[in-house]
Amino acid sequence: MSHPVVTARIDQSIASAADAMVLSGVGSVVVVHDDGSVAGILTERDLVRAAAAGADTRVAVTEHWMTAAPDVIEPSTSIDET
């Protein structure tokens, strides 16, 4: 995982989220609510799925294409606790 974590807003276009992935050199972004809490994760695979479905990436938002409610842990969690 990269640090700092690359994020996208839940209402952000998937085109914009994809741009953030490319600029940051990562294959996914954590999708967050307005309060910063985790809503989901948007991956390269999700972008391929959206493209295959014919989604307009400038209009389609992360909320509709992300994987919702992924398992999360705190940065301070040790590998033994997982």
PDB file of N, CA and C in Angstrom:
ATOM      1  N   MET A   1       0.843  -1.176   0.000  1.00  0.00           N
ATOM      2  CA  MET A   1       0.000   0.000   0.000  1.00  0.00           C
ATOM      3  C   MET A   1       0.885   1.234   0.000  1.00  0.00           C
ATOM      4  N   SER A   2       0.450   2.229  -0.739  1.00  0.00           N
ATOM      5  CA  SER A   2       1.218   3.472  -0.779  1.00  0.00           C
ATOM      6  C   SER A   2       0.835   4.368   0.391  1.00  0.00           C
ATOM      7  N   HIS A   3       1.733   5.247   0.746  1.00  0.00           N
ATOM      8  CA  HIS A   3       1.462   6.191   1.819  1.00  0.00           C
ATOM      9  C   HIS A   3       1.954   7.549   1.378  1.00  0.00           C
ATOM     10  N   PRO A   4       1.186   8.600   1.382  1.00  0.00           N
ATOM     11  CA  PRO A   4      -0.205   8.590   1.838  1.00  0.00           C
ATOM     12  C   PRO A   4      -1.113   7.848   0.858  1.00  0.00           C
ATOM     13  N   VAL A   5      -2.229   7.388   1.380  1.00  0.00           N
ATOM     14  CA  VAL A   5      -3.195   6.649   0.578  1.00  0.00           C
ATOM     15  C   VAL A   5      -3.860   7.608  -0.409  1.00  0.00           C
ATOM     16  N   VAL A   6      -3.994   7.181  -1.645  1.00  0.00           N
ATOM     17  CA  VAL A   6      -4.657   7.985  -2.673  1.00  0.00           C
ATOM     18  C   VAL A   6      -6.160   7.767  -2.532  1.00  0.00           C
ATOM     19  N   THR A   7      -6.910   8.864  -2.455  1.00  0.00           N
ATOM     20  CA  THR A   7      -8.352   8.767  -2.254  1.00  0.00           C
ATOM     21  C   THR A   7      -9.116   9.463  -3.374  1.00  0.00           C
ATOM     22  N   ALA A   8     -10.386   9.124  -3.462  1.00  0.00           N
ATOM     23  CA  ALA A   8     -11.326   9.778  -4.374  1.00  0.00           C
ATOM     24  C   ALA A   8     -12.628   9.970  -3.608  1.00  0.00           C
ATOM     25  N   ARG A   9     -13.316  11.054  -3.899  1.00  0.00           N
ATOM     26  CA  ARG A   9     -14.620  11.289  -3.271  1.00  0.00           C
ATOM     27  C   ARG A   9     -15.659  10.326  -3.851  1.00  0.00           C
ATOM     28  N   ILE A  10     -16.672  10.059  -3.074  1.00  0.00           N
ATOM     29  CA  ILE A  10     -17.726   9.130  -3.489  1.00  0.00           C
ATOM     30  C   ILE A  10     -18.504   9.643  -4.700  1.00  0.00           C
ATOM     31  N   ASP A  11     -18.518  10.976  -4.881  1.00  0.00           N
ATOM     32  CA  ASP A  11     -19.252  11.576  -6.001  1.00  0.00           C
ATOM     33  C   ASP A  11     -18.327  12.006  -7.142  1.00  0.00           C
ATOM     34  N   GLN A  12     -17.078  11.600  -7.083  1.00  0.00           N
ATOM     35  CA  GLN A  12     -16.082  11.971  -8.092  1.00  0.00           C
ATOM     36  C   GLN A  12     -16.257  11.110  -9.338  1.00  0.00           C
ATOM     37  N   SER A  13     -16.008  11.681 -10.506  1.00  0.00           N
ATOM     38  CA  SER A  13     -16.114  10.892 -11.738  1.00  0.00           C
ATOM     39  C   SER A  13     -15.027   9.823 -11.753  1.00  0.00           C
ATOM     40  N   ILE A  14     -15.335   8.706 -12.401  1.00  0.00           N
ATOM     41  CA  ILE A  14     -14.320   7.654 -12.465  1.00  0.00           C
ATOM     42  C   ILE A  14     -13.174   8.059 -13.382  1.00  0.00           C
ATOM     43  N   ALA A  15     -13.415   8.975 -14.313  1.00  0.00           N
ATOM     44  CA  ALA A  15     -12.321   9.491 -15.148  1.00  0.00           C
ATOM     45  C   ALA A  15     -11.327  10.253 -14.287  1.00  0.00           C
ATOM     46  N   SER A  16     -11.828  11.073 -13.388  1.00  0.00           N
ATOM     47  CA  SER A  16     -10.968  11.834 -12.490  1.00  0.00           C
ATOM     48  C   SER A  16     -10.222  10.908 -11.532  1.00  0.00           C
ATOM     49  N   ALA A  17     -10.913   9.891 -11.031  1.00  0.00           N
ATOM     50  CA  ALA A  17     -10.268   8.916 -10.145  1.00  0.00           C
ATOM     51  C   ALA A  17      -9.174   8.160 -10.897  1.00  0.00           C
ATOM     52  N   ALA A  18      -9.431   7.818 -12.158  1.00  0.00           N
ATOM     53  CA  ALA A  18      -8.426   7.134 -12.980  1.00  0.00           C
ATOM     54  C   ALA A  18      -7.212   8.025 -13.200  1.00  0.00           C
ATOM     55  N   ASP A  19      -7.440   9.318 -13.424  1.00  0.00           N
ATOM     56  CA  ASP A  19      -6.326  10.263 -13.565  1.00  0.00           C
ATOM     57  C   ASP A  19      -5.465  10.268 -12.306  1.00  0.00           C
ATOM     58  N   ALA A  20      -6.108  10.260 -11.137  1.00  0.00           N
ATOM     59  CA  ALA A  20      -5.377  10.243  -9.866  1.00  0.00           C
ATOM     60  C   ALA A  20      -4.539   8.974  -9.744  1.00  0.00           C
ATOM     61  N   MET A  21      -5.083   7.839 -10.192  1.00  0.00           N
ATOM     62  CA  MET A  21      -4.333   6.581 -10.159  1.00  0.00           C
ATOM     63  C   MET A  21      -3.079   6.681 -11.022  1.00  0.00           C
ATOM     64  N   VAL A  22      -3.246   7.184 -12.232  1.00  0.00           N
ATOM     65  CA  VAL A  22      -2.119   7.294 -13.162  1.00  0.00           C
ATOM     66  C   VAL A  22      -1.058   8.235 -12.604  1.00  0.00           C
ATOM     67  N   LEU A  23      -1.472   9.403 -12.140  1.00  0.00           N
ATOM     68  CA  LEU A  23      -0.522  10.391 -11.613  1.00  0.00           C
ATOM     69  C   LEU A  23       0.226   9.877 -10.387  1.00  0.00           C
ATOM     70  N   SER A  24      -0.443   9.034  -9.592  1.00  0.00           N
ATOM     71  CA  SER A  24       0.168   8.516  -8.363  1.00  0.00           C
ATOM     72  C   SER A  24       0.864   7.179  -8.566  1.00  0.00           C
ATOM     73  N   GLY A  25       0.688   6.573  -9.725  1.00  0.00           N
ATOM     74  CA  GLY A  25       1.317   5.283  -9.988  1.00  0.00           C
ATOM     75  C   GLY A  25       0.744   4.152  -9.164  1.00  0.00           C
ATOM     76  N   VAL A  26      -0.575   4.191  -8.920  1.00  0.00           N
ATOM     77  CA  VAL A  26      -1.230   3.151  -8.132  1.00  0.00           C
ATOM     78  C   VAL A  26      -2.332   2.502  -8.957  1.00  0.00           C
ATOM     79  N   GLY A  27      -2.779   1.342  -8.535  1.00  0.00           N
ATOM     80  CA  GLY A  27      -3.810   0.608  -9.253  1.00  0.00           C
ATOM     81  C   GLY A  27      -5.181   0.686  -8.630  1.00  0.00           C
ATOM     82  N   SER A  28      -5.305   1.480  -7.567  1.00  0.00           N
ATOM     83  CA  SER A  28      -6.607   1.634  -6.920  1.00  0.00           C
ATOM     84  C   SER A  28      -6.610   2.903  -6.078  1.00  0.00           C
ATOM     85  N   VAL A  29      -7.822   3.362  -5.773  1.00  0.00           N
ATOM     86  CA  VAL A  29      -7.992   4.487  -4.859  1.00  0.00           C
ATOM     87  C   VAL A  29      -9.021   4.095  -3.813  1.00  0.00           C
ATOM     88  N   VAL A  30      -8.846   4.614  -2.611  1.00  0.00           N
ATOM     89  CA  VAL A  30      -9.838   4.428  -1.564  1.00  0.00           C
ATOM     90  C   VAL A  30     -10.898   5.501  -1.762  1.00  0.00           C
ATOM     91  N   VAL A  31     -12.147   5.088  -1.833  1.00  0.00           N
ATOM     92  CA  VAL A  31     -13.259   6.021  -2.022  1.00  0.00           C
ATOM     93  C   VAL A  31     -13.775   6.422  -0.646  1.00  0.00           C
ATOM     94  N   VAL A  32     -13.908   7.736  -0.440  1.00  0.00           N
ATOM     95  CA  VAL A  32     -14.290   8.242   0.878  1.00  0.00           C
ATOM     96  C   VAL A  32     -15.549   9.101   0.811  1.00  0.00           C
ATOM     97  N   HIS A  33     -16.273   9.081   1.931  1.00  0.00           N
ATOM     98  CA  HIS A  33     -17.421   9.966   2.129  1.00  0.00           C
ATOM     99  C   HIS A  33     -16.904  11.371   2.436  1.00  0.00           C
ATOM    100  N   ASP A  34     -17.811  12.348   2.482  1.00  0.00           N
ATOM    101  CA  ASP A  34     -17.435  13.729   2.792  1.00  0.00           C
ATOM    102  C   ASP A  34     -16.721  13.858   4.133  1.00  0.00           C
ATOM    103  N   ASP A  35     -17.062  12.987   5.092  1.00  0.00           N
ATOM    104  CA  ASP A  35     -16.436  13.060   6.418  1.00  0.00           C
ATOM    105  C   ASP A  35     -15.096  12.324   6.485  1.00  0.00           C
ATOM    106  N   GLY A  36     -14.657  11.761   5.356  1.00  0.00           N
ATOM    107  CA  GLY A  36     -13.376  11.067   5.308  1.00  0.00           C
ATOM    108  C   GLY A  36     -13.446   9.585   5.608  1.00  0.00           C
ATOM    109  N   SER A  37     -14.618   9.086   5.986  1.00  0.00           N
ATOM    110  CA  SER A  37     -14.738   7.655   6.269  1.00  0.00           C
ATOM    111  C   SER A  37     -14.721   6.857   4.962  1.00  0.00           C
ATOM    112  N   VAL A  38     -14.259   5.627   5.058  1.00  0.00           N
ATOM    113  CA  VAL A  38     -14.108   4.773   3.879  1.00  0.00           C
ATOM    114  C   VAL A  38     -15.470   4.286   3.390  1.00  0.00           C
ATOM    115  N   ALA A  39     -15.722   4.497   2.102  1.00  0.00           N
ATOM    116  CA  ALA A  39     -16.950   4.010   1.467  1.00  0.00           C
ATOM    117  C   ALA A  39     -16.674   2.755   0.653  1.00  0.00           C
ATOM    118  N   GLY A  40     -15.472   2.689   0.070  1.00  0.00           N
ATOM    119  CA  GLY A  40     -15.145   1.554  -0.779  1.00  0.00           C
ATOM    120  C   GLY A  40     -13.785   1.707  -1.414  1.00  0.00           C
ATOM    121  N   ILE A  41     -13.527   0.886  -2.411  1.00  0.00           N
ATOM    122  CA  ILE A  41     -12.274   0.942  -3.150  1.00  0.00           C
ATOM    123  C   ILE A  41     -12.598   0.835  -4.639  1.00  0.00           C
ATOM    124  N   LEU A  42     -11.928   1.639  -5.430  1.00  0.00           N
ATOM    125  CA  LEU A  42     -12.085   1.612  -6.886  1.00  0.00           C
ATOM    126  C   LEU A  42     -10.765   1.133  -7.467  1.00  0.00           C
ATOM    127  N   THR A  43     -10.815   0.045  -8.218  1.00  0.00           N
ATOM    128  CA  THR A  43      -9.603  -0.560  -8.766  1.00  0.00           C
ATOM    129  C   THR A  43      -9.575  -0.451 -10.290  1.00  0.00           C
ATOM    130  N   GLU A  44      -8.421  -0.762 -10.857  1.00  0.00           N
ATOM    131  CA  GLU A  44      -8.305  -0.803 -12.316  1.00  0.00           C
ATOM    132  C   GLU A  44      -9.332  -1.759 -12.911  1.00  0.00           C
ATOM    133  N   ARG A  45      -9.569  -2.846 -12.234  1.00  0.00           N
ATOM    134  CA  ARG A  45     -10.554  -3.830 -12.715  1.00  0.00           C
ATOM    135  C   ARG A  45     -11.951  -3.218 -12.768  1.00  0.00           C
ATOM    136  N   ASP A  46     -12.301  -2.392 -11.769  1.00  0.00           N
ATOM    137  CA  ASP A  46     -13.596  -1.702 -11.782  1.00  0.00           C
ATOM    138  C   ASP A  46     -13.695  -0.765 -12.984  1.00  0.00           C
ATOM    139  N   LEU A  47     -12.591  -0.103 -13.316  1.00  0.00           N
ATOM    140  CA  LEU A  47     -12.580   0.801 -14.471  1.00  0.00           C
ATOM    141  C   LEU A  47     -12.768   0.030 -15.773  1.00  0.00           C
ATOM    142  N   VAL A  48     -12.166  -1.143 -15.873  1.00  0.00           N
ATOM    143  CA  VAL A  48     -12.346  -1.991 -17.053  1.00  0.00           C
ATOM    144  C   VAL A  48     -13.808  -2.426 -17.155  1.00  0.00           C
ATOM    145  N   ARG A  49     -14.388  -2.793 -16.030  1.00  0.00           N
ATOM    146  CA  ARG A  49     -15.799  -3.200 -16.001  1.00  0.00           C
ATOM    147  C   ARG A  49     -16.701  -2.060 -16.475  1.00  0.00           C
ATOM    148  N   ALA A  50     -16.418  -0.841 -16.009  1.00  0.00           N
ATOM    149  CA  ALA A  50     -17.205   0.329 -16.416  1.00  0.00           C
ATOM    150  C   ALA A  50     -17.060   0.585 -17.913  1.00  0.00           C
ATOM    151  N   ALA A  51     -15.838   0.498 -18.414  1.00  0.00           N
ATOM    152  CA  ALA A  51     -15.598   0.720 -19.843  1.00  0.00           C
ATOM    153  C   ALA A  51     -16.310  -0.336 -20.685  1.00  0.00           C
ATOM    154  N   ALA A  52     -16.250  -1.589 -20.247  1.00  0.00           N
ATOM    155  CA  ALA A  52     -16.902  -2.675 -20.979  1.00  0.00           C
ATOM    156  C   ALA A  52     -18.418  -2.501 -21.005  1.00  0.00           C
ATOM    157  N   ALA A  53     -18.953  -1.867 -19.965  1.00  0.00           N
ATOM    158  CA  ALA A  53     -20.395  -1.622 -19.890  1.00  0.00           C
ATOM    159  C   ALA A  53     -20.806  -0.380 -20.677  1.00  0.00           C
ATOM    160  N   GLY A  54     -19.823   0.332 -21.217  1.00  0.00           N
ATOM    161  CA  GLY A  54     -20.122   1.522 -22.003  1.00  0.00           C
ATOM    162  C   GLY A  54     -20.392   2.763 -21.179  1.00  0.00           C
ATOM    163  N   ALA A  55     -19.944   2.775 -19.934  1.00  0.00           N
ATOM    164  CA  ALA A  55     -20.169   3.928 -19.060  1.00  0.00           C
ATOM    165  C   ALA A  55     -19.418   5.153 -19.575  1.00  0.00           C
ATOM    166  N   ASP A  56     -20.035   6.307 -19.453  1.00  0.00           N
ATOM    167  CA  ASP A  56     -19.364   7.572 -19.763  1.00  0.00           C
ATOM    168  C   ASP A  56     -18.525   7.918 -18.539  1.00  0.00           C
ATOM    169  N   THR A  57     -17.233   7.721 -18.630  1.00  0.00           N
ATOM    170  CA  THR A  57     -16.357   7.859 -17.459  1.00  0.00           C
ATOM    171  C   THR A  57     -16.291   9.280 -16.919  1.00  0.00           C
ATOM    172  N   ARG A  58     -16.684  10.258 -17.718  1.00  0.00           N
ATOM    173  CA  ARG A  58     -16.679  11.652 -17.250  1.00  0.00           C
ATOM    174  C   ARG A  58     -17.898  11.953 -16.396  1.00  0.00           C
ATOM    175  N   VAL A  59     -18.934  11.109 -16.518  1.00  0.00           N
ATOM    176  CA  VAL A  59     -20.185  11.317 -15.789  1.00  0.00           C
ATOM    177  C   VAL A  59     -20.368  10.270 -14.688  1.00  0.00           C
ATOM    178  N   ALA A  60     -19.982   9.030 -14.958  1.00  0.00           N
ATOM    179  CA  ALA A  60     -20.135   7.945 -13.981  1.00  0.00           C
ATOM    180  C   ALA A  60     -19.318   8.254 -12.736  1.00  0.00           C
ATOM    181  N   VAL A  61     -19.898   7.993 -11.572  1.00  0.00           N
ATOM    182  CA  VAL A  61     -19.219   8.318 -10.316  1.00  0.00           C
ATOM    183  C   VAL A  61     -18.703   7.063  -9.619  1.00  0.00           C
ATOM    184  N   THR A  62     -17.714   7.277  -8.780  1.00  0.00           N
ATOM    185  CA  THR A  62     -17.042   6.170  -8.096  1.00  0.00           C
ATOM    186  C   THR A  62     -18.015   5.299  -7.313  1.00  0.00           C
ATOM    187  N   GLU A  63     -19.016   5.918  -6.699  1.00  0.00           N
ATOM    188  CA  GLU A  63     -19.968   5.169  -5.870  1.00  0.00           C
ATOM    189  C   GLU A  63     -20.627   4.025  -6.636  1.00  0.00           C
ATOM    190  N   HIS A  64     -20.865   4.202  -7.919  1.00  0.00           N
ATOM    191  CA  HIS A  64     -21.577   3.194  -8.703  1.00  0.00           C
ATOM    192  C   HIS A  64     -20.683   2.073  -9.203  1.00  0.00           C
ATOM    193  N   TRP A  65     -19.368   2.260  -9.182  1.00  0.00           N
ATOM    194  CA  TRP A  65     -18.456   1.268  -9.747  1.00  0.00           C
ATOM    195  C   TRP A  65     -17.485   0.682  -8.733  1.00  0.00           C
ATOM    196  N   MET A  66     -17.422   1.246  -7.544  1.00  0.00           N
ATOM    197  CA  MET A  66     -16.479   0.786  -6.517  1.00  0.00           C
ATOM    198  C   MET A  66     -16.947  -0.522  -5.888  1.00  0.00           C
ATOM    199  N   THR A  67     -16.040  -1.160  -5.173  1.00  0.00           N
ATOM    200  CA  THR A  67     -16.382  -2.258  -4.282  1.00  0.00           C
ATOM    201  C   THR A  67     -16.653  -1.622  -2.929  1.00  0.00           C
ATOM    202  N   ALA A  68     -17.885  -1.762  -2.453  1.00  0.00           N
ATOM    203  CA  ALA A  68     -18.296  -1.102  -1.212  1.00  0.00           C
ATOM    204  C   ALA A  68     -17.822  -1.870   0.018  1.00  0.00           C
ATOM    205  N   ALA A  69     -17.618  -1.124   1.093  1.00  0.00           N
ATOM    206  CA  ALA A  69     -17.328  -1.662   2.426  1.00  0.00           C
ATOM    207  C   ALA A  69     -16.206  -2.701   2.452  1.00  0.00           C
ATOM    208  N   PRO A  70     -15.015  -2.356   1.960  1.00  0.00           N
ATOM    209  CA  PRO A  70     -13.908  -3.314   2.050  1.00  0.00           C
ATOM    210  C   PRO A  70     -13.451  -3.463   3.500  1.00  0.00           C
ATOM    211  N   ASP A  71     -12.790  -4.559   3.793  1.00  0.00           N
ATOM    212  CA  ASP A  71     -12.198  -4.726   5.117  1.00  0.00           C
ATOM    213  C   ASP A  71     -11.081  -3.703   5.272  1.00  0.00           C
ATOM    214  N   VAL A  72     -11.022  -3.048   6.414  1.00  0.00           N
ATOM    215  CA  VAL A  72      -9.991  -2.042   6.666  1.00  0.00           C
ATOM    216  C   VAL A  72      -9.335  -2.296   8.015  1.00  0.00           C
ATOM    217  N   ILE A  73      -8.085  -1.842   8.141  1.00  0.00           N
ATOM    218  CA  ILE A  73      -7.372  -1.898   9.412  1.00  0.00           C
ATOM    219  C   ILE A  73      -6.663  -0.566   9.616  1.00  0.00           C
ATOM    220  N   GLU A  74      -6.297  -0.291  10.839  1.00  0.00           N
ATOM    221  CA  GLU A  74      -5.565   0.928  11.171  1.00  0.00           C
ATOM    222  C   GLU A  74      -4.098   0.762  10.779  1.00  0.00           C
ATOM    223  N   PRO A  75      -3.422   1.858  10.429  1.00  0.00           N
ATOM    224  CA  PRO A  75      -1.997   1.770  10.086  1.00  0.00           C
ATOM    225  C   PRO A  75      -1.143   1.179  11.207  1.00  0.00           C
ATOM    226  N   SER A  76      -1.585   1.338  12.437  1.00  0.00           N
ATOM    227  CA  SER A  76      -0.809   0.849  13.582  1.00  0.00           C
ATOM    228  C   SER A  76      -1.029  -0.637  13.866  1.00  0.00           C
ATOM    229  N   THR A  77      -1.936  -1.287  13.160  1.00  0.00           N
ATOM    230  CA  THR A  77      -2.224  -2.697  13.390  1.00  0.00           C
ATOM    231  C   THR A  77      -1.041  -3.548  12.946  1.00  0.00           C
ATOM    232  N   SER A  78      -0.596  -4.443  13.826  1.00  0.00           N
ATOM    233  CA  SER A  78       0.533  -5.308  13.478  1.00  0.00           C
ATOM    234  C   SER A  78       0.055  -6.466  12.612  1.00  0.00           C
ATOM    235  N   ILE A  79       0.977  -7.078  11.918  1.00  0.00           N
ATOM    236  CA  ILE A  79       0.652  -8.209  11.052  1.00  0.00           C
ATOM    237  C   ILE A  79       0.100  -9.368  11.871  1.00  0.00           C
ATOM    238  N   ASP A  80       0.516  -9.473  13.135  1.00  0.00           N
ATOM    239  CA  ASP A  80       0.030 -10.544  14.003  1.00  0.00           C
ATOM    240  C   ASP A  80      -1.439 -10.374  14.364  1.00  0.00           C
ATOM    241  N   GLU A  81      -1.939  -9.146  14.285  1.00  0.00           N
ATOM    242  CA  GLU A  81      -3.327  -8.870  14.648  1.00  0.00           C
ATOM    243  C   GLU A  81      -4.299  -9.073  13.493  1.00  0.00           C
ATOM    244  N   THR A  82      -3.787  -9.333  12.308  1.00  0.00           N
ATOM    245  CA  THR A  82      -4.678  -9.454  11.151  1.00  0.00           C
ATOM    246  C   THR A  82      -5.201 -10.852  10.959  1.00  0.00           C
TER     247      THR A  82
END
